């Protein structure tokens, strides 16, 4: 399902025009991205959590040059679904 499909489904089920729904969905995604960029997790009860995970430093290998490289510690965004959501998907 794409963002356009989501906007269409919300517009159809609520009766709100697509332009307003699109602005709302865009603002929601922007708010989540900004929060994660500022190391703030986003918790949506009954849906899940958008969290920032820290990957520790590790040693990797460049097999074409046969050298080792160090990948520094870095942060990545992740999604952890709520138990209710997981049970519904199963």
PDB file of N, CA and C in Angstrom:
ATOM      1  N   UNK A   1       0.844  -1.170   0.000  1.00  0.00           N
ATOM      2  CA  UNK A   1       0.000   0.000   0.000  1.00  0.00           C
ATOM      3  C   UNK A   1       0.894   1.239   0.000  1.00  0.00           C
ATOM      4  N   UNK A   2       0.589   2.177  -0.869  1.00  0.00           N
ATOM      5  CA  UNK A   2       1.376   3.401  -0.979  1.00  0.00           C
ATOM      6  C   UNK A   2       0.729   4.528  -0.180  1.00  0.00           C
ATOM      7  N   UNK A   3       1.449   5.639  -0.090  1.00  0.00           N
ATOM      8  CA  UNK A   3       0.900   6.796   0.612  1.00  0.00           C
ATOM      9  C   UNK A   3      -0.375   7.282  -0.073  1.00  0.00           C
ATOM     10  N   UNK A   4      -0.413   7.244  -1.387  1.00  0.00           N
ATOM     11  CA  UNK A   4      -1.610   7.667  -2.126  1.00  0.00           C
ATOM     12  C   UNK A   4      -2.801   6.767  -1.795  1.00  0.00           C
ATOM     13  N   UNK A   5      -2.550   5.466  -1.654  1.00  0.00           N
ATOM     14  CA  UNK A   5      -3.627   4.542  -1.268  1.00  0.00           C
ATOM     15  C   UNK A   5      -4.136   4.842   0.141  1.00  0.00           C
ATOM     16  N   UNK A   6      -3.225   5.129   1.039  1.00  0.00           N
ATOM     17  CA  UNK A   6      -3.608   5.460   2.411  1.00  0.00           C
ATOM     18  C   UNK A   6      -4.462   6.713   2.433  1.00  0.00           C
ATOM     19  N   UNK A   7      -4.035   7.737   1.699  1.00  0.00           N
ATOM     20  CA  UNK A   7      -4.797   8.992   1.630  1.00  0.00           C
ATOM     21  C   UNK A   7      -6.181   8.735   1.054  1.00  0.00           C
ATOM     22  N   UNK A   8      -6.272   7.936   0.013  1.00  0.00           N
ATOM     23  CA  UNK A   8      -7.566   7.623  -0.597  1.00  0.00           C
ATOM     24  C   UNK A   8      -8.484   6.890   0.367  1.00  0.00           C
ATOM     25  N   UNK A   9      -7.949   5.911   1.088  1.00  0.00           N
ATOM     26  CA  UNK A   9      -8.751   5.146   2.045  1.00  0.00           C
ATOM     27  C   UNK A   9      -9.267   6.032   3.174  1.00  0.00           C
ATOM     28  N   UNK A  10      -8.402   6.894   3.712  1.00  0.00           N
ATOM     29  CA  UNK A  10      -8.817   7.787   4.790  1.00  0.00           C
ATOM     30  C   UNK A  10      -9.860   8.773   4.289  1.00  0.00           C
ATOM     31  N   UNK A  11      -9.650   9.334   3.104  1.00  0.00           N
ATOM     32  CA  UNK A  11     -10.600  10.297   2.535  1.00  0.00           C
ATOM     33  C   UNK A  11     -11.958   9.639   2.301  1.00  0.00           C
ATOM     34  N   UNK A  12     -11.930   8.413   1.803  1.00  0.00           N
ATOM     35  CA  UNK A  12     -13.179   7.706   1.518  1.00  0.00           C
ATOM     36  C   UNK A  12     -13.942   7.384   2.801  1.00  0.00           C
ATOM     37  N   UNK A  13     -13.229   6.940   3.830  1.00  0.00           N
ATOM     38  CA  UNK A  13     -13.898   6.515   5.056  1.00  0.00           C
ATOM     39  C   UNK A  13     -14.324   7.668   5.959  1.00  0.00           C
ATOM     40  N   UNK A  14     -13.651   8.827   5.849  1.00  0.00           N
ATOM     41  CA  UNK A  14     -14.001   9.959   6.716  1.00  0.00           C
ATOM     42  C   UNK A  14     -14.813  11.037   6.018  1.00  0.00           C
ATOM     43  N   UNK A  15     -14.767  11.077   4.698  1.00  0.00           N
ATOM     44  CA  UNK A  15     -15.480  12.125   3.970  1.00  0.00           C
ATOM     45  C   UNK A  15     -14.704  13.422   3.858  1.00  0.00           C
ATOM     46  N   UNK A  16     -13.463  13.417   4.310  1.00  0.00           N
ATOM     47  CA  UNK A  16     -12.599  14.599   4.209  1.00  0.00           C
ATOM     48  C   UNK A  16     -11.934  14.569   2.839  1.00  0.00           C
ATOM     49  N   UNK A  17     -11.749  15.760   2.237  1.00  0.00           N
ATOM     50  CA  UNK A  17     -11.148  15.786   0.897  1.00  0.00           C
ATOM     51  C   UNK A  17      -9.696  15.312   0.936  1.00  0.00           C
ATOM     52  N   UNK A  18      -9.242  14.776  -0.195  1.00  0.00           N
ATOM     53  CA  UNK A  18      -7.912  14.159  -0.288  1.00  0.00           C
ATOM     54  C   UNK A  18      -6.786  15.145   0.010  1.00  0.00           C
ATOM     55  N   UNK A  19      -6.943  16.396  -0.396  1.00  0.00           N
ATOM     56  CA  UNK A  19      -5.876  17.384  -0.184  1.00  0.00           C
ATOM     57  C   UNK A  19      -5.625  17.588   1.312  1.00  0.00           C
ATOM     58  N   UNK A  20      -6.688  17.670   2.089  1.00  0.00           N
ATOM     59  CA  UNK A  20      -6.544  17.863   3.533  1.00  0.00           C
ATOM     60  C   UNK A  20      -5.926  16.629   4.186  1.00  0.00           C
ATOM     61  N   UNK A  21      -6.369  15.465   3.762  1.00  0.00           N
ATOM     62  CA  UNK A  21      -5.817  14.224   4.305  1.00  0.00           C
ATOM     63  C   UNK A  21      -4.337  14.102   3.956  1.00  0.00           C
ATOM     64  N   UNK A  22      -3.971  14.456   2.727  1.00  0.00           N
ATOM     65  CA  UNK A  22      -2.569  14.391   2.311  1.00  0.00           C
ATOM     66  C   UNK A  22      -1.698  15.302   3.171  1.00  0.00           C
ATOM     67  N   UNK A  23      -2.151  16.513   3.423  1.00  0.00           N
ATOM     68  CA  UNK A  23      -1.396  17.450   4.264  1.00  0.00           C
ATOM     69  C   UNK A  23      -1.232  16.872   5.668  1.00  0.00           C
ATOM     70  N   UNK A  24      -2.296  16.264   6.193  1.00  0.00           N
ATOM     71  CA  UNK A  24      -2.245  15.685   7.532  1.00  0.00           C
ATOM     72  C   UNK A  24      -1.268  14.512   7.598  1.00  0.00           C
ATOM     73  N   UNK A  25      -1.320  13.638   6.624  1.00  0.00           N
ATOM     74  CA  UNK A  25      -0.421  12.481   6.593  1.00  0.00           C
ATOM     75  C   UNK A  25       1.029  12.938   6.446  1.00  0.00           C
ATOM     76  N   UNK A  26       1.262  13.913   5.578  1.00  0.00           N
ATOM     77  CA  UNK A  26       2.619  14.449   5.387  1.00  0.00           C
ATOM     78  C   UNK A  26       3.147  15.054   6.686  1.00  0.00           C
ATOM     79  N   UNK A  27       2.299  15.809   7.384  1.00  0.00           N
ATOM     80  CA  UNK A  27       2.705  16.460   8.636  1.00  0.00           C
ATOM     81  C   UNK A  27       2.987  15.409   9.705  1.00  0.00           C
ATOM     82  N   UNK A  28       2.184  14.338   9.751  1.00  0.00           N
ATOM     83  CA  UNK A  28       2.423  13.258  10.697  1.00  0.00           C
ATOM     84  C   UNK A  28       3.802  12.634  10.455  1.00  0.00           C
ATOM     85  N   UNK A  29       4.098  12.313   9.202  1.00  0.00           N
ATOM     86  CA  UNK A  29       5.390  11.702   8.883  1.00  0.00           C
ATOM     87  C   UNK A  29       6.540  12.652   9.191  1.00  0.00           C
ATOM     88  N   UNK A  30       6.370  13.925   8.907  1.00  0.00           N
ATOM     89  CA  UNK A  30       7.408  14.918   9.202  1.00  0.00           C
ATOM     90  C   UNK A  30       7.649  15.022  10.702  1.00  0.00           C
ATOM     91  N   UNK A  31       6.578  14.992  11.492  1.00  0.00           N
ATOM     92  CA  UNK A  31       6.702  15.070  12.945  1.00  0.00           C
ATOM     93  C   UNK A  31       7.433  13.856  13.495  1.00  0.00           C
ATOM     94  N   UNK A  32       7.116  12.670  12.983  1.00  0.00           N
ATOM     95  CA  UNK A  32       7.798  11.446  13.425  1.00  0.00           C
ATOM     96  C   UNK A  32       9.280  11.522  13.065  1.00  0.00           C
ATOM     97  N   UNK A  33       9.595  11.939  11.835  1.00  0.00           N
ATOM     98  CA  UNK A  33      11.001  12.046  11.415  1.00  0.00           C
ATOM     99  C   UNK A  33      11.763  13.050  12.268  1.00  0.00           C
ATOM    100  N   UNK A  34      11.158  14.213  12.536  1.00  0.00           N
ATOM    101  CA  UNK A  34      11.819  15.229  13.349  1.00  0.00           C
ATOM    102  C   UNK A  34      12.056  14.732  14.770  1.00  0.00           C
ATOM    103  N   UNK A  35      11.069  14.032  15.328  1.00  0.00           N
ATOM    104  CA  UNK A  35      11.224  13.503  16.682  1.00  0.00           C
ATOM    105  C   UNK A  35      12.363  12.490  16.748  1.00  0.00           C
ATOM    106  N   UNK A  36      12.418  11.589  15.785  1.00  0.00           N
ATOM    107  CA  UNK A  36      13.487  10.586  15.773  1.00  0.00           C
ATOM    108  C   UNK A  36      14.849  11.229  15.538  1.00  0.00           C
ATOM    109  N   UNK A  37      14.896  12.272  14.727  1.00  0.00           N
ATOM    110  CA  UNK A  37      16.161  12.973  14.479  1.00  0.00           C
ATOM    111  C   UNK A  37      16.669  13.644  15.753  1.00  0.00           C
ATOM    112  N   UNK A  38      15.741  13.996  16.654  1.00  0.00           N
ATOM    113  CA  UNK A  38      16.110  14.627  17.925  1.00  0.00           C
ATOM    114  C   UNK A  38      16.191  13.608  19.056  1.00  0.00           C
ATOM    115  N   UNK A  39      16.349  12.337  18.731  1.00  0.00           N
ATOM    116  CA  UNK A  39      16.462  11.240  19.709  1.00  0.00           C
ATOM    117  C   UNK A  39      15.242  11.103  20.603  1.00  0.00           C
ATOM    118  N   UNK A  40      14.069  11.443  20.107  1.00  0.00           N
ATOM    119  CA  UNK A  40      12.832  11.278  20.860  1.00  0.00           C
ATOM    120  C   UNK A  40      12.034  10.148  20.221  1.00  0.00           C
ATOM    121  N   UNK A  41      11.673   9.151  21.017  1.00  0.00           N
ATOM    122  CA  UNK A  41      10.862   8.055  20.510  1.00  0.00           C
ATOM    123  C   UNK A  41       9.408   8.498  20.396  1.00  0.00           C
ATOM    124  N   UNK A  42       8.666   7.864  19.491  1.00  0.00           N
ATOM    125  CA  UNK A  42       7.251   8.168  19.282  1.00  0.00           C
ATOM    126  C   UNK A  42       6.452   6.921  19.632  1.00  0.00           C
ATOM    127  N   UNK A  43       5.530   7.065  20.599  1.00  0.00           N
ATOM    128  CA  UNK A  43       4.729   5.937  21.066  1.00  0.00           C
ATOM    129  C   UNK A  43       3.279   6.134  20.654  1.00  0.00           C
ATOM    130  N   UNK A  44       2.734   5.185  19.900  1.00  0.00           N
ATOM    131  CA  UNK A  44       1.339   5.217  19.479  1.00  0.00           C
ATOM    132  C   UNK A  44       0.656   3.998  20.085  1.00  0.00           C
ATOM    133  N   UNK A  45      -0.089   4.224  21.161  1.00  0.00           N
ATOM    134  CA  UNK A  45      -0.733   3.126  21.894  1.00  0.00           C
ATOM    135  C   UNK A  45      -1.640   2.314  20.968  1.00  0.00           C
ATOM    136  N   UNK A  46      -1.495   1.009  21.014  1.00  0.00           N
ATOM    137  CA  UNK A  46      -2.288   0.118  20.188  1.00  0.00           C
ATOM    138  C   UNK A  46      -1.741  -0.082  18.784  1.00  0.00           C
ATOM    139  N   UNK A  47      -0.734   0.695  18.398  1.00  0.00           N
ATOM    140  CA  UNK A  47      -0.139   0.572  17.068  1.00  0.00           C
ATOM    141  C   UNK A  47       1.315   0.137  17.166  1.00  0.00           C
ATOM    142  N   UNK A  48       2.132   0.929  17.878  1.00  0.00           N
ATOM    143  CA  UNK A  48       3.539   0.580  18.024  1.00  0.00           C
ATOM    144  C   UNK A  48       4.379   1.791  18.368  1.00  0.00           C
ATOM    145  N   UNK A  49       5.676   1.608  18.348  1.00  0.00           N
ATOM    146  CA  UNK A  49       6.621   2.653  18.708  1.00  0.00           C
ATOM    147  C   UNK A  49       7.653   2.845  17.608  1.00  0.00           C
ATOM    148  N   UNK A  50       7.897   4.088  17.263  1.00  0.00           N
ATOM    149  CA  UNK A  50       9.009   4.439  16.389  1.00  0.00           C
ATOM    150  C   UNK A  50      10.143   4.812  17.328  1.00  0.00           C
ATOM    151  N   UNK A  51      11.232   4.052  17.277  1.00  0.00           N
ATOM    152  CA  UNK A  51      12.315   4.248  18.223  1.00  0.00           C
ATOM    153  C   UNK A  51      13.634   4.447  17.493  1.00  0.00           C
ATOM    154  N   UNK A  52      14.605   5.000  18.230  1.00  0.00           N
ATOM    155  CA  UNK A  52      15.959   5.175  17.710  1.00  0.00           C
ATOM    156  C   UNK A  52      16.831   4.123  18.375  1.00  0.00           C
ATOM    157  N   UNK A  53      17.444   3.263  17.570  1.00  0.00           N
ATOM    158  CA  UNK A  53      18.343   2.238  18.085  1.00  0.00           C
ATOM    159  C   UNK A  53      19.782   2.657  17.817  1.00  0.00           C
ATOM    160  N   UNK A  54      20.664   2.272  18.712  1.00  0.00           N
ATOM    161  CA  UNK A  54      22.085   2.555  18.540  1.00  0.00           C
ATOM    162  C   UNK A  54      22.796   1.268  18.154  1.00  0.00           C
ATOM    163  N   UNK A  55      23.424   1.299  17.016  1.00  0.00           N
ATOM    164  CA  UNK A  55      24.240   0.165  16.576  1.00  0.00           C
ATOM    165  C   UNK A  55      25.665   0.399  17.062  1.00  0.00           C
ATOM    166  N   UNK A  56      26.249  -0.587  17.712  1.00  0.00           N
ATOM    167  CA  UNK A  56      27.594  -0.423  18.237  1.00  0.00           C
ATOM    168  C   UNK A  56      28.635  -0.508  17.125  1.00  0.00           C
ATOM    169  N   UNK A  57      29.837  -0.058  17.454  1.00  0.00           N
ATOM    170  CA  UNK A  57      30.936  -0.089  16.488  1.00  0.00           C
ATOM    171  C   UNK A  57      31.279  -1.537  16.158  1.00  0.00           C
ATOM    172  N   UNK A  58      31.626  -1.791  14.896  1.00  0.00           N
ATOM    173  CA  UNK A  58      32.012  -3.145  14.518  1.00  0.00           C
ATOM    174  C   UNK A  58      33.085  -3.102  13.443  1.00  0.00           C
ATOM    175  N   UNK A  59      33.763  -4.216  13.299  1.00  0.00           N
ATOM    176  CA  UNK A  59      34.803  -4.367  12.286  1.00  0.00           C
ATOM    177  C   UNK A  59      34.216  -5.134  11.113  1.00  0.00           C
ATOM    178  N   UNK A  60      34.404  -4.608   9.922  1.00  0.00           N
ATOM    179  CA  UNK A  60      33.904  -5.258   8.714  1.00  0.00           C
ATOM    180  C   UNK A  60      35.080  -5.510   7.774  1.00  0.00           C
ATOM    181  N   UNK A  61      34.825  -6.243   6.717  1.00  0.00           N
ATOM    182  CA  UNK A  61      35.880  -6.599   5.787  1.00  0.00           C
ATOM    183  C   UNK A  61      35.500  -6.189   4.377  1.00  0.00           C
ATOM    184  N   UNK A  62      36.441  -5.512   3.700  1.00  0.00           N
ATOM    185  CA  UNK A  62      36.290  -5.203   2.283  1.00  0.00           C
ATOM    186  C   UNK A  62      36.964  -6.342   1.535  1.00  0.00           C
ATOM    187  N   UNK A  63      36.171  -7.281   1.017  1.00  0.00           N
ATOM    188  CA  UNK A  63      36.766  -8.496   0.441  1.00  0.00           C
ATOM    189  C   UNK A  63      37.469  -8.249  -0.884  1.00  0.00           C
ATOM    190  N   UNK A  64      37.095  -7.186  -1.607  1.00  0.00           N
ATOM    191  CA  UNK A  64      37.766  -6.937  -2.885  1.00  0.00           C
ATOM    192  C   UNK A  64      39.197  -6.442  -2.679  1.00  0.00           C
ATOM    193  N   UNK A  65      39.442  -5.685  -1.598  1.00  0.00           N
ATOM    194  CA  UNK A  65      40.793  -5.179  -1.317  1.00  0.00           C
ATOM    195  C   UNK A  65      41.472  -5.956  -0.188  1.00  0.00           C
ATOM    196  N   UNK A  66      40.737  -6.889   0.419  1.00  0.00           N
ATOM    197  CA  UNK A  66      41.240  -7.682   1.533  1.00  0.00           C
ATOM    198  C   UNK A  66      41.744  -6.794   2.679  1.00  0.00           C
ATOM    199  N   UNK A  67      40.924  -5.815   3.040  1.00  0.00           N
ATOM    200  CA  UNK A  67      41.269  -4.925   4.145  1.00  0.00           C
ATOM    201  C   UNK A  67      40.118  -4.911   5.141  1.00  0.00           C
ATOM    202  N   UNK A  68      40.445  -4.514   6.354  1.00  0.00           N
ATOM    203  CA  UNK A  68      39.396  -4.369   7.367  1.00  0.00           C
ATOM    204  C   UNK A  68      39.058  -2.896   7.527  1.00  0.00           C
ATOM    205  N   UNK A  69      37.802  -2.644   7.789  1.00  0.00           N
ATOM    206  CA  UNK A  69      37.370  -1.274   8.046  1.00  0.00           C
ATOM    207  C   UNK A  69      36.554  -1.277   9.332  1.00  0.00           C
ATOM    208  N   UNK A  70      36.536  -0.157   9.994  1.00  0.00           N
ATOM    209  CA  UNK A  70      35.768  -0.028  11.227  1.00  0.00           C
ATOM    210  C   UNK A  70      34.536   0.806  10.924  1.00  0.00           C
ATOM    211  N   UNK A  71      33.382   0.234  11.211  1.00  0.00           N
ATOM    212  CA  UNK A  71      32.126   0.962  11.056  1.00  0.00           C
ATOM    213  C   UNK A  71      31.813   1.573  12.425  1.00  0.00           C
ATOM    214  N   UNK A  72      31.772   2.897  12.521  1.00  0.00           N
ATOM    215  CA  UNK A  72      31.578   3.528  13.832  1.00  0.00           C
ATOM    216  C   UNK A  72      30.161   3.311  14.370  1.00  0.00           C
ATOM    217  N   UNK A  73      29.998   3.566  15.653  1.00  0.00           N
ATOM    218  CA  UNK A  73      28.682   3.488  16.281  1.00  0.00           C
ATOM    219  C   UNK A  73      27.756   4.487  15.595  1.00  0.00           C
ATOM    220  N   UNK A  74      26.522   4.059  15.315  1.00  0.00           N
ATOM    221  CA  UNK A  74      25.573   4.959  14.656  1.00  0.00           C
ATOM    222  C   UNK A  74      24.154   4.620  15.089  1.00  0.00           C
ATOM    223  N   UNK A  75      23.254   5.530  14.812  1.00  0.00           N
ATOM    224  CA  UNK A  75      21.860   5.366  15.203  1.00  0.00           C
ATOM    225  C   UNK A  75      21.008   5.089  13.976  1.00  0.00           C
ATOM    226  N   UNK A  76      19.979   4.243  14.168  1.00  0.00           N
ATOM    227  CA  UNK A  76      19.065   3.922  13.084  1.00  0.00           C
ATOM    228  C   UNK A  76      17.630   3.987  13.604  1.00  0.00           C
ATOM    229  N   UNK A  77      16.684   4.379  12.746  1.00  0.00           N
ATOM    230  CA  UNK A  77      15.287   4.359  13.157  1.00  0.00           C
ATOM    231  C   UNK A  77      14.749   2.928  13.069  1.00  0.00           C
ATOM    232  N   UNK A  78      13.810   2.615  13.956  1.00  0.00           N
ATOM    233  CA  UNK A  78      13.206   1.286  13.957  1.00  0.00           C
ATOM    234  C   UNK A  78      11.747   1.401  14.381  1.00  0.00           C
ATOM    235  N   UNK A  79      10.971   0.379  14.039  1.00  0.00           N
ATOM    236  CA  UNK A  79       9.568   0.336  14.444  1.00  0.00           C
ATOM    237  C   UNK A  79       9.336  -0.936  15.234  1.00  0.00           C
ATOM    238  N   UNK A  80       8.704  -0.797  16.401  1.00  0.00           N
ATOM    239  CA  UNK A  80       8.365  -1.955  17.224  1.00  0.00           C
ATOM    240  C   UNK A  80       6.848  -1.993  17.351  1.00  0.00           C
ATOM    241  N   UNK A  81       6.193  -2.970  16.730  1.00  0.00           N
ATOM    242  CA  UNK A  81       4.732  -3.023  16.780  1.00  0.00           C
ATOM    243  C   UNK A  81       4.220  -3.366  18.172  1.00  0.00           C
ATOM    244  N   UNK A  82       3.027  -2.853  18.491  1.00  0.00           N
ATOM    245  CA  UNK A  82       2.386  -3.145  19.768  1.00  0.00           C
ATOM    246  C   UNK A  82       1.892  -4.585  19.774  1.00  0.00           C
ATOM    247  N   UNK A  83       1.697  -5.138  20.963  1.00  0.00           N
ATOM    248  CA  UNK A  83       1.231  -6.518  21.091  1.00  0.00           C
ATOM    249  C   UNK A  83      -0.125  -6.707  20.412  1.00  0.00           C
ATOM    250  N   UNK A  84      -1.027  -5.750  20.559  1.00  0.00           N
ATOM    251  CA  UNK A  84      -2.349  -5.828  19.930  1.00  0.00           C
ATOM    252  C   UNK A  84      -2.207  -5.888  18.412  1.00  0.00           C
ATOM    253  N   UNK A  85      -1.299  -5.089  17.875  1.00  0.00           N
ATOM    254  CA  UNK A  85      -1.044  -5.056  16.445  1.00  0.00           C
ATOM    255  C   UNK A  85      -0.462  -6.389  15.980  1.00  0.00           C
ATOM    256  N   UNK A  86       0.491  -6.925  16.732  1.00  0.00           N
ATOM    257  CA  UNK A  86       1.103  -8.207  16.380  1.00  0.00           C
ATOM    258  C   UNK A  86       0.066  -9.325  16.375  1.00  0.00           C
ATOM    259  N   UNK A  87      -0.809  -9.327  17.379  1.00  0.00           N
ATOM    260  CA  UNK A  87      -1.838 -10.367  17.451  1.00  0.00           C
ATOM    261  C   UNK A  87      -2.805 -10.274  16.274  1.00  0.00           C
ATOM    262  N   UNK A  88      -3.085  -9.070  15.823  1.00  0.00           N
ATOM    263  CA  UNK A  88      -4.007  -8.870  14.711  1.00  0.00           C
ATOM    264  C   UNK A  88      -3.401  -9.341  13.384  1.00  0.00           C
ATOM    265  N   UNK A  89      -2.089  -9.181  13.226  1.00  0.00           N
ATOM    266  CA  UNK A  89      -1.398  -9.572  11.997  1.00  0.00           C
ATOM    267  C   UNK A  89      -1.254 -11.094  11.912  1.00  0.00           C
ATOM    268  N   UNK A  90      -1.056 -11.738  13.051  1.00  0.00           N
ATOM    269  CA  UNK A  90      -0.841 -13.198  13.069  1.00  0.00           C
ATOM    270  C   UNK A  90      -1.976 -13.924  12.517  1.00  0.00           C
TER     271      UNK A  90
END
